[in-house]
C-alpha atoms as a PDB file:
ATOM      1  CA  MET A   1      81.727 112.843  78.827  1.00  0.00           C
ATOM      2  CA  LYS A   2      85.409 113.964  79.068  1.00  0.00           C
ATOM      3  CA  HIS A   3      84.946 115.417  82.440  1.00  0.00           C
ATOM      4  CA  ARG A   4      82.954 112.364  83.692  1.00  0.00           C
ATOM      5  CA  HIS A   5      85.815 109.881  82.568  1.00  0.00           C
ATOM      6  CA  ILE A   6      88.468 112.007  84.160  1.00  0.00           C
ATOM      7  CA  ILE A   7      86.563 111.952  87.431  1.00  0.00           C
ATOM      8  CA  LEU A   8      86.317 108.308  87.359  1.00  0.00           C
ATOM      9  CA  PHE A   9      90.134 108.277  86.858  1.00  0.00           C
ATOM     10  CA  ILE A  10      90.621 110.396  89.855  1.00  0.00           C
ATOM     11  CA  SER A  11      88.244 108.226  91.835  1.00  0.00           C
ATOM     12  CA  SER A  12      90.241 105.102  90.736  1.00  0.00           C
ATOM     13  CA  LEU A  13      93.265 106.774  91.936  1.00  0.00           C
ATOM     14  CA  ALA A  14      91.805 107.881  95.356  1.00  0.00           C
ATOM     15  CA  LEU A  15      90.908 104.423  96.004  1.00  0.00           C
ATOM     16  CA  ALA A  16      94.357 103.207  94.859  1.00  0.00           C
ATOM     17  CA  ILE A  17      96.032 105.393  97.573  1.00  0.00           C
ATOM     18  CA  SER A  18      93.537 104.816 100.355  1.00  0.00           C
ATOM     19  CA  GLY A  19      93.415 102.025 103.207  1.00  0.00           C
ATOM     20  CA  GLY A  20      96.512 103.061 105.147  1.00  0.00           C
ATOM     21  CA  ILE A  21      97.998  99.601 104.106  1.00  0.00           C
ATOM     22  CA  PHE A  22     101.414 100.342 105.601  1.00  0.00           C
ATOM     23  CA  SER A  23     100.427 101.629 109.127  1.00  0.00           C
ATOM     24  CA  SER A  24     100.021  98.011 110.458  1.00  0.00           C
ATOM     25  CA  THR A  25     103.286  96.489 108.662  1.00  0.00           C
ATOM     26  CA  SER A  26     105.346  99.645 109.737  1.00  0.00           C
ATOM     27  CA  ALA A  27     104.156  99.624 113.541  1.00  0.00           C
ATOM     28  CA  HIS A  28     104.300  95.844 114.193  1.00  0.00           C
ATOM     29  CA  ALA A  29     106.939  94.697 112.059  1.00  0.00           C
ATOM     30  CA  ALA A  30     109.291  97.278 110.187  1.00  0.00           C
ATOM     31  CA  GLU A  31     110.586  97.852 113.627  1.00  0.00           C
ATOM     32  CA  LEU A  32     110.775  96.172 117.074  1.00  0.00           C
ATOM     33  CA  PRO A  33     107.276  96.439 118.597  1.00  0.00           C
ATOM     34  CA  SER A  34     106.577  99.755 120.618  1.00  0.00           C
ATOM     35  CA  LEU A  35     105.652  97.852 123.678  1.00  0.00           C
ATOM     36  CA  VAL A  36     109.063  95.828 123.531  1.00  0.00           C
ATOM     37  CA  ASN A  37     110.824  99.132 123.166  1.00  0.00           C
ATOM     38  CA  THR A  38     108.988 100.452 126.190  1.00  0.00           C
ATOM     39  CA  ALA A  39     110.075  97.403 128.222  1.00  0.00           C
ATOM     40  CA  ILE A  40     113.483  97.772 127.204  1.00  0.00           C
ATOM     41  CA  ALA A  41     113.379 101.327 128.508  1.00  0.00           C
ATOM     42  CA  LYS A  42     111.738 100.228 131.751  1.00  0.00           C
ATOM     43  CA  GLU A  43     114.514  97.880 132.253  1.00  0.00           C
ATOM     44  CA  GLU A  44     117.242 100.495 131.728  1.00  0.00           C
ATOM     45  CA  SER A  45     115.284 102.818 134.196  1.00  0.00           C
ATOM     46  CA  VAL A  46     115.423  99.886 136.816  1.00  0.00           C
ATOM     47  CA  ARG A  47     119.317  99.367 136.155  1.00  0.00           C
ATOM     48  CA  HIS A  48     120.002 103.423 136.398  1.00  0.00           C
ATOM     49  CA  THR A  49     117.783 103.910 139.492  1.00  0.00           C
ATOM     50  CA  GLN A  50     119.089 100.863 141.253  1.00  0.00           C
ATOM     51  CA  ASP A  51     122.664 102.519 140.810  1.00  0.00           C
ATOM     52  CA  ALA A  52     121.934 106.178 141.112  1.00  0.00           C
ATOM     53  CA  THR A  53     118.923 106.482 143.712  1.00  0.00           C
ATOM     54  CA  PRO A  54     119.248 104.001 146.522  1.00  0.00           C
ATOM     55  CA  GLU A  55     116.409 105.634 147.936  1.00  0.00           C
ATOM     56  CA  LEU A  56     113.886 104.068 145.513  1.00  0.00           C
ATOM     57  CA  THR A  57     111.467 102.153 147.578  1.00  0.00           C
ATOM     58  CA  ILE A  58     110.343  98.429 147.043  1.00  0.00           C
ATOM     59  CA  GLU A  59     106.983  99.233 145.938  1.00  0.00           C
ATOM     60  CA  GLN A  60     108.355 101.689 143.217  1.00  0.00           C
ATOM     61  CA  ARG A  61     110.796  99.057 141.977  1.00  0.00           C
ATOM     62  CA  LYS A  62     107.904  96.506 142.019  1.00  0.00           C
ATOM     63  CA  ASP A  63     105.833  98.884 139.930  1.00  0.00           C
ATOM     64  CA  ILE A  64     108.327  99.525 137.412  1.00  0.00           C
ATOM     65  CA  LEU A  65     108.905  95.634 136.961  1.00  0.00           C
ATOM     66  CA  ALA A  66     105.164  95.096 136.859  1.00  0.00           C
ATOM     67  CA  GLU A  67     104.889  97.394 134.186  1.00  0.00           C
ATOM     68  CA  ILE A  68     107.604  95.735 132.078  1.00  0.00           C
ATOM     69  CA  ILE A  69     105.965  92.402 132.517  1.00  0.00           C
ATOM     70  CA  THR A  70     102.507  93.841 131.473  1.00  0.00           C
ATOM     71  CA  ALA A  71     103.872  95.351 128.490  1.00  0.00           C
ATOM     72  CA  SER A  72     105.878  92.116 127.516  1.00  0.00           C
ATOM     73  CA  GLN A  73     102.812  90.102 127.959  1.00  0.00           C
ATOM     74  CA  SER A  74     101.033  92.164 125.645  1.00  0.00           C
ATOM     75  CA  GLU A  75     103.610  91.829 123.008  1.00  0.00           C
ATOM     76  CA  VAL A  76     103.670  88.163 123.415  1.00  0.00           C
ATOM     77  CA  LYS A  77     100.006  87.836 122.888  1.00  0.00           C
ATOM     78  CA  ASN A  78     100.128  90.233 119.613  1.00  0.00           C
ATOM     79  CA  LEU A  79     102.983  88.326 118.185  1.00  0.00           C
ATOM     80  CA  GLN A  80     100.990  84.994 118.704  1.00  0.00           C
ATOM     81  CA  GLU A  81      97.978  86.328 117.099  1.00  0.00           C
ATOM     82  CA  LYS A  82      99.673  87.543 114.241  1.00  0.00           C
ATOM     83  CA  LEU A  83     101.664  84.459 113.621  1.00  0.00           C
ATOM     84  CA  THR A  84      98.844  82.377 114.024  1.00  0.00           C
ATOM     85  CA  ILE A  85      96.547  83.922 111.217  1.00  0.00           C
ATOM     86  CA  LEU A  86      99.659  83.629 108.517  1.00  0.00           C
ATOM     87  CA  ASP A  87      99.116  81.335 105.614  1.00  0.00           C
ATOM     88  CA  LEU A  88     102.232  79.024 105.606  1.00  0.00           C
ATOM     89  CA  ASP A  89     103.182  75.826 103.971  1.00  0.00           C
ATOM     90  CA  GLU A  90     104.411  72.877 105.967  1.00  0.00           C
ATOM     91  CA  ASP A  91     107.864  73.867 106.235  1.00  0.00           C
ATOM     92  CA  TRP A  92     107.254  77.312 107.733  1.00  0.00           C
ATOM     93  CA  SER A  93     104.318  76.090 109.668  1.00  0.00           C
ATOM     94  CA  LEU A  94     106.975  73.925 111.339  1.00  0.00           C
ATOM     95  CA  ALA A  95     108.870  76.733 112.576  1.00  0.00           C
ATOM     96  CA  ARG A  96     105.775  78.940 113.401  1.00  0.00           C
ATOM     97  CA  LYS A  97     104.765  75.882 115.819  1.00  0.00           C
ATOM     98  CA  GLN A  98     108.103  76.098 117.530  1.00  0.00           C
ATOM     99  CA  PHE A  99     107.935  79.951 117.899  1.00  0.00           C
ATOM    100  CA  LEU A 100     104.548  79.830 119.374  1.00  0.00           C
ATOM    101  CA  THR A 101     105.749  77.310 122.000  1.00  0.00           C
ATOM    102  CA  ARG A 102     108.602  79.393 122.702  1.00  0.00           C
ATOM    103  CA  LEU A 103     106.297  82.533 123.103  1.00  0.00           C
ATOM    104  CA  ALA A 104     103.871  80.641 125.335  1.00  0.00           C
ATOM    105  CA  THR A 105     107.215  79.714 127.381  1.00  0.00           C
ATOM    106  CA  SER A 106     107.950  83.210 127.574  1.00  0.00           C
ATOM    107  CA  SER A 107     104.455  84.005 128.791  1.00  0.00           C
ATOM    108  CA  ALA A 108     104.698  81.513 131.387  1.00  0.00           C
ATOM    109  CA  TYR A 109     107.990  82.936 132.537  1.00  0.00           C
ATOM    110  CA  TYR A 110     106.744  86.515 132.950  1.00  0.00           C
ATOM    111  CA  SER A 111     103.780  85.202 134.707  1.00  0.00           C
ATOM    112  CA  SER A 112     106.109  83.198 137.179  1.00  0.00           C
ATOM    113  CA  LEU A 113     107.934  86.365 137.711  1.00  0.00           C
ATOM    114  CA  GLU A 114     104.800  88.301 138.489  1.00  0.00           C
ATOM    115  CA  ASP A 115     103.771  85.840 140.894  1.00  0.00           C
ATOM    116  CA  ARG A 116     107.207  86.206 142.828  1.00  0.00           C
ATOM    117  CA  LEU A 117     106.737  89.991 142.745  1.00  0.00           C
ATOM    118  CA  THR A 118     103.305  90.026 144.422  1.00  0.00           C
ATOM    119  CA  ARG A 119     104.180  87.627 147.247  1.00  0.00           C
ATOM    120  CA  GLU A 120     103.749  89.546 150.286  1.00  0.00           C
ATOM    121  CA  THR A 121     106.902  88.269 151.807  1.00  0.00           C
ATOM    122  CA  VAL A 122     108.990  89.560 148.932  1.00  0.00           C
ATOM    123  CA  THR A 123     112.129  91.497 149.979  1.00  0.00           C
ATOM    124  CA  LEU A 124     114.122  94.241 148.398  1.00  0.00           C
ATOM    125  CA  ASP A 125     116.954  92.056 147.776  1.00  0.00           C
ATOM    126  CA  GLU A 126     114.584  89.577 145.911  1.00  0.00           C
ATOM    127  CA  VAL A 127     112.944  92.531 143.979  1.00  0.00           C
ATOM    128  CA  LYS A 128     116.499  93.610 142.716  1.00  0.00           C
ATOM    129  CA  SER A 129     117.368  89.909 141.872  1.00  0.00           C
ATOM    130  CA  ILE A 130     114.289  89.436 139.923  1.00  0.00           C
ATOM    131  CA  ALA A 131     114.965  92.851 137.946  1.00  0.00           C
ATOM    132  CA  LYS A 132     118.371  91.267 137.126  1.00  0.00           C
ATOM    133  CA  GLU A 133     116.926  87.990 136.118  1.00  0.00           C
ATOM    134  CA  LEU A 134     114.578  89.336 133.737  1.00  0.00           C
ATOM    135  CA  ARG A 135     117.070  91.689 132.207  1.00  0.00           C
ATOM    136  CA  ASP A 136     119.518  89.061 131.544  1.00  0.00           C
ATOM    137  CA  TRP A 137     116.829  86.696 130.360  1.00  0.00           C
ATOM    138  CA  ARG A 138     115.437  89.261 127.838  1.00  0.00           C
ATOM    139  CA  GLU A 139     118.921  89.755 126.515  1.00  0.00           C
ATOM    140  CA  THR A 140     119.761  86.371 126.034  1.00  0.00           C
ATOM    141  CA  VAL A 141     116.592  84.678 125.279  1.00  0.00           C
ATOM    142  CA  TYR A 142     113.483  86.599 124.607  1.00  0.00           C
ATOM    143  CA  THR A 143     114.859  89.452 122.265  1.00  0.00           C
ATOM    144  CA  PRO A 144     116.719  87.049 119.906  1.00  0.00           C
ATOM    145  CA  GLU A 145     113.511  85.070 119.739  1.00  0.00           C
ATOM    146  CA  LEU A 146     111.493  87.863 119.243  1.00  0.00           C
ATOM    147  CA  LYS A 147     113.728  89.002 116.289  1.00  0.00           C
ATOM    148  CA  VAL A 148     113.557  85.646 114.645  1.00  0.00           C
ATOM    149  CA  ALA A 149     109.583  85.210 114.741  1.00  0.00           C
ATOM    150  CA  GLY A 150     109.097  88.883 114.126  1.00  0.00           C
ATOM    151  CA  ASN A 151     111.018  88.483 110.766  1.00  0.00           C
ATOM    152  CA  MET A 152     108.877  85.857 109.741  1.00  0.00           C
ATOM    153  CA  LEU A 153     106.029  88.056 110.175  1.00  0.00           C
ATOM    154  CA  LEU A 154     107.586  91.033 108.611  1.00  0.00           C
ATOM    155  CA  ILE A 155     108.407  88.904 105.315  1.00  0.00           C
ATOM    156  CA  TYR A 156     104.812  87.750 104.983  1.00  0.00           C
ATOM    157  CA  GLN A 157     103.335  91.132 105.780  1.00  0.00           C
ATOM    158  CA  THR A 158     105.463  92.846 103.343  1.00  0.00           C
ATOM    159  CA  ASP A 159     104.402  90.285 100.774  1.00  0.00           C
ATOM    160  CA  ASP A 160     100.702  91.091 101.504  1.00  0.00           C
ATOM    161  CA  VAL A 161     101.544  94.926 100.940  1.00  0.00           C
ATOM    162  CA  ARG A 162     103.217  94.063  97.801  1.00  0.00           C
ATOM    163  CA  ARG A 163     100.207  92.215  96.409  1.00  0.00           C
ATOM    164  CA  ILE A 164      97.780  95.023  97.262  1.00  0.00           C
ATOM    165  CA  VAL A 165     100.028  97.766  95.564  1.00  0.00           C
ATOM    166  CA  GLN A 166     100.407  95.389  92.663  1.00  0.00           C
ATOM    167  CA  ALA A 167      96.648  95.057  92.060  1.00  0.00           C
ATOM    168  CA  ARG A 168      96.009  98.930  92.209  1.00  0.00           C
ATOM    169  CA  ASN A 169      98.901  99.651  90.049  1.00  0.00           C
ATOM    170  CA  GLU A 170      97.441  97.332  87.477  1.00  0.00           C
ATOM    171  CA  LYS A 171      94.012  98.995  87.913  1.00  0.00           C
ATOM    172  CA  ILE A 172      95.405 102.223  87.414  1.00  0.00           C
ATOM    173  CA  ALA A 173      97.354 101.031  84.424  1.00  0.00           C
ATOM    174  CA  ASN A 174      94.059  99.950  82.737  1.00  0.00           C
ATOM    175  CA  ASP A 175      92.362 103.276  83.594  1.00  0.00           C
ATOM    176  CA  ILE A 176      95.161 104.912  81.811  1.00  0.00           C
ATOM    177  CA  LYS A 177      94.720 102.840  78.477  1.00  0.00           C
ATOM    178  CA  LYS A 178      90.824 103.915  78.797  1.00  0.00           C
ATOM    179  CA  LEU A 179      92.020 107.557  78.797  1.00  0.00           C
ATOM    180  CA  ASP A 180      94.335 106.887  75.790  1.00  0.00           C
ATOM    181  CA  ARG A 181      91.532 105.293  73.889  1.00  0.00           C
ATOM    182  CA  GLN A 182      89.169 107.958  74.241  1.00  0.00           C
ATOM    183  CA  LYS A 183      91.980 110.616  73.927  1.00  0.00           C
ATOM    184  CA  LEU A 184      90.793 112.558  76.895  1.00  0.00           C
ATOM    185  CA  VAL A 185      94.042 113.777  78.287  1.00  0.00           C
ATOM    186  CA  ASN A 186      97.784 113.585  77.510  1.00  0.00           C
ATOM    187  CA  THR A 187      98.973 110.497  79.532  1.00  0.00           C
ATOM    188  CA  ASP A 188     102.607 110.883  78.852  1.00  0.00           C
ATOM    189  CA  THR A 189     103.513 111.942  82.513  1.00  0.00           C
ATOM    190  CA  LEU A 190     101.072 109.457  83.963  1.00  0.00           C
ATOM    191  CA  LYS A 191     102.634 106.579  82.203  1.00  0.00           C
ATOM    192  CA  LYS A 192     106.177 107.901  83.201  1.00  0.00           C
ATOM    193  CA  TYR A 193     104.959 107.742  86.812  1.00  0.00           C
ATOM    194  CA  LEU A 194     103.291 104.449  86.246  1.00  0.00           C
ATOM    195  CA  GLY A 195     106.591 102.895  85.024  1.00  0.00           C
ATOM    196  CA  GLN A 196     108.439 104.337  87.964  1.00  0.00           C
ATOM    197  CA  ALA A 197     105.941 102.663  90.253  1.00  0.00           C
ATOM    198  CA  ASP A 198     106.025  99.329  88.598  1.00  0.00           C
ATOM    199  CA  LYS A 199     109.783  99.425  88.773  1.00  0.00           C
ATOM    200  CA  SER A 200     109.592  99.825  92.503  1.00  0.00           C
ATOM    201  CA  ILE A 201     107.092  97.243  93.130  1.00  0.00           C
ATOM    202  CA  LYS A 202     109.246  94.751  91.126  1.00  0.00           C
ATOM    203  CA  ASN A 203     112.381  95.823  93.252  1.00  0.00           C
ATOM    204  CA  ALA A 204     110.344  95.170  96.416  1.00  0.00           C
ATOM    205  CA  ALA A 205     109.505  91.523  95.179  1.00  0.00           C
ATOM    206  CA  VAL A 206     113.082  90.930  94.525  1.00  0.00           C
ATOM    207  CA  LEU A 207     114.071  92.299  97.799  1.00  0.00           C
ATOM    208  CA  ASN A 208     111.675  90.294  99.912  1.00  0.00           C
ATOM    209  CA  THR A 209     112.281  87.336  97.863  1.00  0.00           C
ATOM    210  CA  LYS A 210     115.983  87.648  98.922  1.00  0.00           C
ATOM    211  CA  ALA A 211     114.825  88.149 102.548  1.00  0.00           C
ATOM    212  CA  LYS A 212     112.662  84.955 102.334  1.00  0.00           C
ATOM    213  CA  GLU A 213     115.367  82.800 100.903  1.00  0.00           C
ATOM    214  CA  LEU A 214     117.934  83.881 103.370  1.00  0.00           C
ATOM    215  CA  TYR A 215     115.577  83.465 106.158  1.00  0.00           C
ATOM    216  CA  PHE A 216     114.699  79.939 104.902  1.00  0.00           C
ATOM    217  CA  ILE A 217     118.332  79.026 104.823  1.00  0.00           C
ATOM    218  CA  GLU A 218     119.244  80.233 108.067  1.00  0.00           C
ATOM    219  CA  THR A 219     116.050  79.644 110.240  1.00  0.00           C
ATOM    220  CA  ILE A 220     113.807  77.285 108.694  1.00  0.00           C
ATOM    221  CA  GLU A 221     116.171  74.548 107.366  1.00  0.00           C
ATOM    222  CA  PRO A 222     117.992  74.141 110.632  1.00  0.00           C
ATOM    223  CA  LEU A 223     114.676  73.871 112.432  1.00  0.00           C
ATOM    224  CA  GLN A 224     113.769  71.053 109.859  1.00  0.00           C
ATOM    225  CA  SER A 225     117.087  69.287 110.680  1.00  0.00           C
ATOM    226  CA  ARG A 226     116.845  69.273 114.322  1.00  0.00           C
ATOM    227  CA  THR A 227     113.002  68.230 114.178  1.00  0.00           C
ATOM    228  CA  LEU A 228     114.061  65.158 112.136  1.00  0.00           C
ATOM    229  CA  HIS A 229     116.144  63.976 114.787  1.00  0.00           C
ATOM    230  CA  GLN A 230     114.109  64.615 117.790  1.00  0.00           C
ATOM    231  CA  GLU A 231     110.712  63.466 119.061  1.00  0.00           C
ATOM    232  CA  ALA A 232     107.665  65.906 118.705  1.00  0.00           C
ATOM    233  CA  LEU A 233     107.748  68.580 121.316  1.00  0.00           C
ATOM    234  CA  THR A 234     106.009  67.082 124.526  1.00  0.00           C
ATOM    235  CA  GLU A 235     108.086  68.591 127.157  1.00  0.00           C
ATOM    236  CA  VAL A 236     107.754  72.082 128.637  1.00  0.00           C
ATOM    237  CA  ILE A 237     110.602  74.092 127.439  1.00  0.00           C
ATOM    238  CA  THR A 238     112.415  76.347 129.966  1.00  0.00           C
ATOM    239  CA  PRO A 239     113.644  79.672 129.344  1.00  0.00           C
ATOM    240  CA  THR A 240     117.252  78.709 128.987  1.00  0.00           C
ATOM    241  CA  ASP A 241     116.259  75.978 126.614  1.00  0.00           C
ATOM    242  CA  ALA A 242     114.380  78.353 124.416  1.00  0.00           C
ATOM    243  CA  VAL A 243     117.609  79.900 122.795  1.00  0.00           C
ATOM    244  CA  ILE A 244     117.546  79.447 119.063  1.00  0.00           C
ATOM    245  CA  ALA A 245     120.940  78.056 118.811  1.00  0.00           C
ATOM    246  CA  GLU A 246     123.616  78.855 116.020  1.00  0.00           C
ATOM    247  CA  GLU A 247     121.640  81.720 114.783  1.00  0.00           C
ATOM    248  CA  PRO A 248     123.767  84.502 113.726  1.00  0.00           C
ATOM    249  CA  ILE A 249     122.158  87.794 114.892  1.00  0.00           C
ATOM    250  CA  ASP A 250     123.680  89.734 111.892  1.00  0.00           C
ATOM    251  CA  THR A 251     121.843  87.299 109.405  1.00  0.00           C
ATOM    252  CA  GLN A 252     118.672  88.364 110.943  1.00  0.00           C
ATOM    253  CA  ASP A 253     119.461  91.875 110.707  1.00  0.00           C
ATOM    254  CA  GLN A 254     120.142  91.230 107.209  1.00  0.00           C
ATOM    255  CA  VAL A 255     116.625  89.594 106.629  1.00  0.00           C
ATOM    256  CA  ARG A 256     114.858  92.399 108.461  1.00  0.00           C
ATOM    257  CA  GLU A 257     116.767  95.373 106.295  1.00  0.00           C
ATOM    258  CA  LEU A 258     115.811  93.573 103.107  1.00  0.00           C
ATOM    259  CA  SER A 259     112.279  93.408 104.000  1.00  0.00           C
ATOM    260  CA  LYS A 260     112.295  96.894 105.156  1.00  0.00           C
ATOM    261  CA  GLU A 261     113.888  98.302 101.984  1.00  0.00           C
ATOM    262  CA  ALA A 262     111.183  96.343 100.043  1.00  0.00           C
ATOM    263  CA  LEU A 263     108.443  98.237 102.051  1.00  0.00           C
ATOM    264  CA  LYS A 264     110.607 101.455 101.182  1.00  0.00           C
ATOM    265  CA  GLU A 265     110.137 100.855  97.426  1.00  0.00           C
ATOM    266  CA  LEU A 266     106.443  99.989  97.850  1.00  0.00           C
ATOM    267  CA  LYS A 267     106.029 103.292  99.759  1.00  0.00           C
ATOM    268  CA  SER A 268     107.714 104.856  96.839  1.00  0.00           C
ATOM    269  CA  ALA A 269     105.349 103.251  94.385  1.00  0.00           C
ATOM    270  CA  TYR A 270     102.353 104.791  96.385  1.00  0.00           C
ATOM    271  CA  GLU A 271     103.855 108.106  96.454  1.00  0.00           C
ATOM    272  CA  LEU A 272     103.839 108.059  92.653  1.00  0.00           C
ATOM    273  CA  PHE A 273     100.317 107.195  92.766  1.00  0.00           C
ATOM    274  CA  PHE A 274      99.748 110.465  94.745  1.00  0.00           C
ATOM    275  CA  LYS A 275     101.620 112.401  92.270  1.00  0.00           C
ATOM    276  CA  MET A 276      99.424 110.852  89.396  1.00  0.00           C
ATOM    277  CA  ASN A 277      96.334 111.770  91.525  1.00  0.00           C
ATOM    278  CA  ASP A 278      97.871 115.582  91.709  1.00  0.00           C
ATOM    279  CA  ARG A 279      98.731 115.483  87.825  1.00  0.00           C
ATOM    280  CA  ILE A 280      95.259 114.696  86.817  1.00  0.00           C
ATOM    281  CA  ARG A 281      93.541 116.911  88.896  1.00  0.00           C
ATOM    282  CA  LYS A 282      95.438 120.106  87.305  1.00  0.00           C
END
C-alpha cells in the first residue's frame, strides 16, 4: 500500500511537470518573434550587400526582399490570430481592435511592396528604393507597433501560464498532505520545495500585475482618450498614420522585462517540481 501511494504521488508530479507550457509563450512572446528577427537580419543583409557588393543582381535583391516580406506577412498573421483569441474586457478589447487594424494595414503595405517588386518593368534603382523604404518603415512604424501589440500578448500568456502552474502546485500540495496523513514518507524536503515554488508563483503574480498596470496606464488609457474624441475607425490607415504616438519605447521595454521576469519565476517553480519528483523517487 505504501509503495502504491508513493507511485501515485510520483504520477501526480509527472503530470504537474509535463505539457511544455512554456514553449509557446517563450517562442512567441518572451522575445521578438523569430520570423521578425529573420526579417531584420535580411534587411541588414540588403543594406550591407548594397554597400559592399555592387555586383549583386536585381534578381538576388528581389529574392532577399521577397523573403523579408513573406516572413513579415507570416508574423503579422501569427500575431493577429493570437490577439484575436485573447479573452479581454472592454477596455483591452478596444486596444486590440486598433492593433488588429494596424496589423491589417501593415499586411496591406507588405502586399503593395510585393506587387511593386514583381512588376516586369521594375528597375534596379526601384528595387533599391523599395529596400530603403521597407527598412525605414519597419524601424519607424512596424517594429514599435509590434512591440506594443506583442506586450499585450505576453502579459496575457504569462497570466495563463501562472494559472496552470498554480493549479499544479495546489495539486501537489494536496498529495503531500495525503502522504503526511498516511505517514508514508518524510515530507519535510518536499514541503520546503513546495514553499519555494509557492513563493515563486506569488512573485510571478506580482511582477505580471505590475506589467499589466504599467501597460494599462501607458497604452490602454491613452487609446481610450483618443477614441473618445474621434469617430469610429472608418478610414484606411496609411503606414505613416499607424505610428502609436507619444509611446515611450523604454516603457514598453519595462513592461516586457516585468513579464519576462514573471516567466522566470514560473520556470523556477517548475524546476522545483522536478526536484520534488527526483526526491520522491530516491
